């Protein structure tokens, strides 16, 4: 908390000193990246520290799967069946059909991965040394909600890129952009998964 407060003060002090070239918009972007990213990655670490290796791995797979299965399913469904644009001015390639296909694919993908983790944990392999009892009804209910959050995150960062006239956040992975291009949707999901793990867990 003190670090967040210090960052906010420094950003606004910089805006006051350089207000002609560094506006509130740039300041808001700096705060988003300077505060939002560390908080999200800290929550990922807390999933491991608070809930142990087994559940930590499970919830990490849950949040990544909700984002990445949805992305993969949305892409292929959109290519094959996409006709109705979802947000043409923000992300011209996204379609309503792709959104629906992504939600279905995310549910199926998460069920498969969760079942695999449950089986490995039952056998006590590696970090999955203790058995897990999963609530697949909650997984099916929560996955589409998380997948929708991932789409909101993806579109939100697309707006930022369009505002600043950039295609990717980096060139670390040719064809995929930078690390943030792969994790923009995850940033919106992680806090929700942390609250799920705390108040409405999918594993016991």
Protein backbone atom coordinates (compact mmCIF):
# COMPACT_ATOMS: atom_id res chain seq x y z
CA UNK A 1 0.00 0.00 0.00
CA UNK A 2 2.73 2.57 0.78
CA UNK A 3 4.35 1.77 -2.57
CA UNK A 4 1.06 2.37 -4.40
CA UNK A 5 0.59 5.68 -2.60
CA UNK A 6 4.16 6.74 -3.46
CA UNK A 7 3.63 5.84 -7.13
CA UNK A 8 0.39 7.85 -7.33
CA UNK A 9 2.09 10.90 -5.81
CA UNK A 10 5.10 10.60 -8.13
CA UNK A 11 2.93 10.24 -11.24
CA UNK A 12 0.85 13.31 -10.41
CA UNK A 13 3.94 15.29 -9.46
CA UNK A 14 5.37 14.42 -12.88
CA UNK A 15 2.11 15.48 -14.55
CA UNK A 16 2.24 18.84 -12.76
CA UNK A 17 5.83 19.39 -13.88
CA UNK A 18 5.32 18.23 -17.48
CA UNK A 19 1.59 18.82 -18.00
CA UNK A 20 2.07 20.13 -21.55
CA UNK A 21 3.47 16.84 -22.85
CA UNK A 22 2.42 14.32 -20.18
CA UNK A 23 -1.33 14.48 -19.73
CA UNK A 24 -3.80 12.84 -17.35
CA UNK A 25 -4.34 10.17 -19.99
CA UNK A 26 -0.67 9.20 -19.95
CA UNK A 27 -0.73 9.38 -16.15
CA UNK A 28 -3.70 7.02 -15.95
CA UNK A 29 -1.92 4.59 -18.27
CA UNK A 30 1.21 4.74 -16.13
CA UNK A 31 -0.82 4.02 -12.98
CA UNK A 32 -2.62 1.13 -14.68
CA UNK A 33 0.65 -0.53 -15.63
CA UNK A 34 2.49 0.45 -12.47
CA UNK A 35 -0.23 -0.65 -10.05
CA UNK A 36 -2.48 -3.08 -11.89
CA UNK A 37 0.18 -5.46 -13.19
CA UNK A 38 2.06 -5.97 -9.88
CA UNK A 39 -1.22 -6.46 -7.99
CA UNK A 40 -2.41 -9.12 -10.41
CA UNK A 41 0.85 -11.08 -10.37
CA UNK A 42 0.93 -10.81 -6.57
CA UNK A 43 -2.53 -12.42 -6.47
CA UNK A 44 -1.21 -15.32 -8.55
CA UNK A 45 1.52 -15.87 -5.95
CA UNK A 46 -1.05 -15.63 -3.16
CA UNK A 47 -3.06 -18.43 -4.76
CA UNK A 48 -0.07 -20.68 -4.15
CA UNK A 49 0.86 -19.31 -0.74
CA UNK A 50 -2.64 -19.31 0.74
CA UNK A 51 -4.08 -22.48 -0.78
CA UNK A 52 -1.03 -24.73 -1.18
CA UNK A 53 0.67 -26.30 -4.17
CA UNK A 54 -2.22 -28.48 -5.29
CA UNK A 55 -4.91 -25.83 -5.26
CA UNK A 56 -2.46 -23.18 -6.40
CA UNK A 57 -1.72 -25.19 -9.56
CA UNK A 58 -5.42 -25.93 -10.00
CA UNK A 59 -6.49 -22.28 -9.81
CA UNK A 60 -3.64 -21.18 -12.06
CA UNK A 61 -4.79 -23.71 -14.68
CA UNK A 62 -8.37 -22.53 -14.12
CA UNK A 63 -7.60 -18.87 -14.79
CA UNK A 64 -5.22 -19.49 -17.70
CA UNK A 65 -7.59 -22.03 -19.21
CA UNK A 66 -10.58 -19.69 -18.98
CA UNK A 67 -8.64 -17.10 -20.97
CA UNK A 68 -6.63 -19.21 -23.40
CA UNK A 69 -9.22 -21.90 -24.20
CA UNK A 70 -11.69 -19.11 -24.89
CA UNK A 71 -9.19 -17.34 -27.13
CA UNK A 72 -8.38 -20.49 -29.09
CA UNK A 73 -12.01 -21.56 -29.44
CA UNK A 74 -13.08 -18.04 -30.38
CA UNK A 75 -10.44 -17.82 -33.09
CA UNK A 76 -11.29 -21.08 -34.84
CA UNK A 77 -15.04 -20.68 -34.45
CA UNK A 78 -14.81 -17.15 -35.77
CA UNK A 79 -12.74 -18.24 -38.78
CA UNK A 80 -15.10 -21.08 -39.63
CA UNK A 81 -18.50 -19.59 -38.79
CA UNK A 82 -18.02 -15.91 -37.97
CA UNK A 83 -20.47 -13.57 -39.74
CA UNK A 84 -21.57 -11.00 -37.18
CA UNK A 85 -18.92 -8.57 -35.94
CA UNK A 86 -18.69 -8.16 -32.17
CA UNK A 87 -16.79 -4.84 -31.88
CA UNK A 88 -15.66 -3.90 -35.40
CA UNK A 89 -14.19 -0.54 -34.41
CA UNK A 90 -12.09 -2.00 -31.60
CA UNK A 91 -11.25 -5.52 -32.79
CA UNK A 92 -12.42 -6.14 -36.38
CA UNK A 93 -11.71 -9.88 -36.28
CA UNK A 94 -13.87 -10.71 -33.26
CA UNK A 95 -17.33 -12.08 -34.03
CA UNK A 96 -20.42 -13.02 -32.03
CA UNK A 97 -20.08 -16.60 -33.28
CA UNK A 98 -16.47 -16.63 -32.13
CA UNK A 99 -17.52 -15.37 -28.70
CA UNK A 100 -20.08 -18.15 -28.29
CA UNK A 101 -17.67 -20.79 -29.59
CA UNK A 102 -15.00 -19.50 -27.23
CA UNK A 103 -17.29 -19.85 -24.22
CA UNK A 104 -18.17 -23.44 -25.12
CA UNK A 105 -14.55 -24.32 -25.85
CA UNK A 106 -13.45 -22.80 -22.52
CA UNK A 107 -15.96 -24.92 -20.59
CA UNK A 108 -14.87 -28.13 -22.33
CA UNK A 109 -11.18 -27.28 -22.02
CA UNK A 110 -11.42 -26.46 -18.33
CA UNK A 111 -13.37 -29.61 -17.57
CA UNK A 112 -10.69 -31.66 -19.32
CA UNK A 113 -7.76 -29.96 -17.59
CA UNK A 114 -9.45 -29.98 -14.17
CA UNK A 115 -10.25 -33.70 -14.50
CA UNK A 116 -6.63 -34.39 -15.47
CA UNK A 117 -5.31 -32.43 -12.46
CA UNK A 118 -7.73 -34.26 -10.16
CA UNK A 119 -6.50 -37.61 -11.50
CA UNK A 120 -2.82 -36.68 -11.14
CA UNK A 121 -3.39 -35.37 -7.60
CA UNK A 122 -5.14 -38.62 -6.67
CA UNK A 123 -1.97 -40.48 -7.70
CA UNK A 124 0.28 -38.07 -5.79
CA UNK A 125 2.58 -37.08 -8.63
CA UNK A 126 5.06 -34.18 -8.28
CA UNK A 127 3.64 -31.01 -6.78
CA UNK A 128 0.18 -32.55 -6.89
CA UNK A 129 0.86 -34.71 -3.85
CA UNK A 130 -2.54 -34.53 -2.11
CA UNK A 131 -5.95 -35.61 -3.52
CA UNK A 132 -8.38 -32.93 -4.66
CA UNK A 133 -12.16 -33.08 -4.76
CA UNK A 134 -13.47 -30.81 -7.52
CA UNK A 135 -16.89 -29.22 -7.89
CA UNK A 136 -17.47 -29.56 -11.64
CA UNK A 137 -20.85 -27.82 -11.45
CA UNK A 138 -19.16 -24.65 -10.23
CA UNK A 139 -16.45 -25.03 -12.87
CA UNK A 140 -19.09 -25.17 -15.62
CA UNK A 141 -20.93 -22.19 -14.14
CA UNK A 142 -17.89 -19.99 -13.51
CA UNK A 143 -15.86 -20.70 -16.64
CA UNK A 144 -18.09 -18.76 -19.08
CA UNK A 145 -18.16 -15.80 -16.68
CA UNK A 146 -14.36 -15.80 -16.54
CA UNK A 147 -14.16 -16.23 -20.30
CA UNK A 148 -16.37 -13.16 -20.75
CA UNK A 149 -14.06 -11.24 -18.42
CA UNK A 150 -11.13 -12.31 -20.60
CA UNK A 151 -12.87 -10.86 -23.67
CA UNK A 152 -13.46 -7.59 -21.80
CA UNK A 153 -9.77 -7.52 -20.86
CA UNK A 154 -8.66 -8.25 -24.40
CA UNK A 155 -10.89 -5.53 -25.85
CA UNK A 156 -9.85 -3.05 -23.15
CA UNK A 157 -6.19 -3.42 -24.01
CA UNK A 158 -7.07 -3.25 -27.70
CA UNK A 159 -8.55 0.20 -27.03
CA UNK A 160 -5.31 1.25 -25.36
CA UNK A 161 -3.27 0.05 -28.35
CA UNK A 162 -5.55 1.84 -30.79
CA UNK A 163 -5.38 5.03 -28.71
CA UNK A 164 -1.58 5.01 -28.91
CA UNK A 165 -1.44 3.74 -32.49
CA UNK A 166 0.47 0.52 -31.77
CA UNK A 167 -0.18 -3.02 -32.96
CA UNK A 168 1.56 -5.01 -30.22
CA UNK A 169 2.99 -4.30 -26.76
CA UNK A 170 6.30 -5.83 -27.81
CA UNK A 171 8.01 -8.14 -30.27
CA UNK A 172 9.26 -10.83 -27.89
CA UNK A 173 7.11 -13.51 -29.59
CA UNK A 174 6.93 -12.99 -33.38
CA UNK A 175 3.33 -13.19 -34.53
CA UNK A 176 2.02 -12.86 -30.97
CA UNK A 177 3.52 -9.55 -29.83
CA UNK A 178 4.87 -9.08 -26.34
CA UNK A 179 4.13 -10.85 -23.06
CA UNK A 180 1.32 -8.41 -22.24
CA UNK A 181 -0.41 -9.28 -25.51
CA UNK A 182 -0.74 -12.86 -24.24
CA UNK A 183 -1.69 -11.89 -20.69
CA UNK A 184 -4.05 -8.93 -21.17
CA UNK A 185 -7.14 -11.09 -20.72
CA UNK A 186 -5.55 -12.91 -17.75
CA UNK A 187 -5.20 -9.59 -15.91
CA UNK A 188 -8.97 -9.23 -15.72
CA UNK A 189 -9.55 -12.83 -14.68
CA UNK A 190 -6.98 -13.22 -11.90
CA UNK A 191 -8.72 -11.09 -9.21
CA UNK A 192 -12.00 -12.92 -9.91
CA UNK A 193 -10.31 -16.32 -9.54
CA UNK A 194 -8.74 -15.20 -6.26
CA UNK A 195 -12.18 -14.25 -4.90
CA UNK A 196 -13.61 -17.56 -6.16
CA UNK A 197 -10.85 -19.48 -4.38
CA UNK A 198 -11.55 -17.52 -1.19
CA UNK A 199 -15.35 -17.40 -1.08
CA UNK A 200 -16.75 -20.02 -3.53
CA UNK A 201 -13.98 -22.59 -4.13
CA UNK A 202 -14.04 -25.19 -6.87
CA UNK A 203 -11.73 -27.55 -4.94
CA UNK A 204 -11.99 -29.12 -1.51
